[in-house]
């Protein structure tokens, strides 16, 4: 299944978009329920959405946590 997820799972509280992929919480939650055409339509909007996210995540991202845990092991 196509997905824009890059494991940077943190939502910008100003825009409501994920810092990593640009989707909203609702879109992330319903992603597997969308048709391929619906997913592609959302993915076409993501570059413009990500351009509006200027701040960095306020917490450790999933990718950073996984890397840190791997390095600590």
Protein backbone atom coordinates (compact mmCIF):
# COMPACT_ATOMS: atom_id res chain seq x y z
CA UNK A 1 0.00 0.00 0.00
CA UNK A 2 1.29 3.45 -0.88
CA UNK A 3 2.12 5.63 2.10
CA UNK A 4 3.98 8.93 2.52
CA UNK A 5 4.99 8.00 6.07
CA UNK A 6 8.68 8.54 6.81
CA UNK A 7 8.45 7.66 10.53
CA UNK A 8 8.55 11.28 11.68
CA UNK A 9 5.30 11.00 13.57
CA UNK A 10 4.62 14.34 15.20
CA UNK A 11 1.75 16.72 14.52
CA UNK A 12 2.28 20.46 14.15
CA UNK A 13 -0.28 22.00 16.49
CA UNK A 14 -0.58 25.13 14.32
CA UNK A 15 -1.33 23.52 10.94
CA UNK A 16 -2.55 20.11 12.10
CA UNK A 17 -0.17 18.41 9.66
CA UNK A 18 2.37 15.72 10.46
CA UNK A 19 5.91 17.12 10.30
CA UNK A 20 7.04 14.04 8.37
CA UNK A 21 4.35 13.32 5.82
CA UNK A 22 1.96 16.28 5.86
CA UNK A 23 -1.18 14.28 6.58
CA UNK A 24 -3.73 15.17 9.24
CA UNK A 25 -4.47 12.89 12.20
CA UNK A 26 -7.75 11.87 10.56
CA UNK A 27 -6.03 11.02 7.29
CA UNK A 28 -3.36 8.99 9.07
CA UNK A 29 -6.01 7.08 11.03
CA UNK A 30 -8.15 6.32 8.00
CA UNK A 31 -5.29 5.72 5.53
CA UNK A 32 -5.97 1.99 5.11
CA UNK A 33 -9.66 2.71 4.44
CA UNK A 34 -9.01 5.04 1.50
CA UNK A 35 -9.00 3.81 -2.07
CA UNK A 36 -5.78 4.07 -4.10
CA UNK A 37 -7.23 7.09 -5.92
CA UNK A 38 -8.07 8.81 -2.63
CA UNK A 39 -4.58 8.15 -1.27
CA UNK A 40 -2.97 9.51 -4.44
CA UNK A 41 -5.14 12.65 -4.29
CA UNK A 42 -4.06 13.31 -0.70
CA UNK A 43 -0.41 12.59 -1.53
CA UNK A 44 -0.57 15.14 -4.35
CA UNK A 45 -1.43 17.83 -1.76
CA UNK A 46 1.33 16.93 0.69
CA UNK A 47 4.24 18.96 -0.76
CA UNK A 48 2.20 22.16 -0.49
CA UNK A 49 1.13 21.28 3.04
CA UNK A 50 4.68 20.52 4.16
CA UNK A 51 5.77 23.91 2.83
CA UNK A 52 3.49 25.52 5.45
CA UNK A 53 5.07 23.63 8.37
CA UNK A 54 7.91 25.84 9.58
CA UNK A 55 8.52 24.64 13.09
CA UNK A 56 10.32 21.51 14.15
CA UNK A 57 8.66 18.81 16.27
CA UNK A 58 8.63 19.57 19.97
CA UNK A 59 9.25 15.97 20.94
CA UNK A 60 11.50 13.16 19.85
CA UNK A 61 10.28 11.66 16.60
CA UNK A 62 9.70 7.96 16.16
CA UNK A 63 12.62 7.69 13.74
CA UNK A 64 14.97 9.46 16.15
CA UNK A 65 13.82 7.26 19.05
CA UNK A 66 14.32 4.07 17.01
CA UNK A 67 17.83 5.19 16.00
CA UNK A 68 18.72 6.11 19.58
CA UNK A 69 17.45 2.77 20.91
CA UNK A 70 19.38 0.89 18.20
CA UNK A 71 22.57 2.78 19.09
CA UNK A 72 22.10 2.10 22.80
CA UNK A 73 21.67 -1.65 22.26
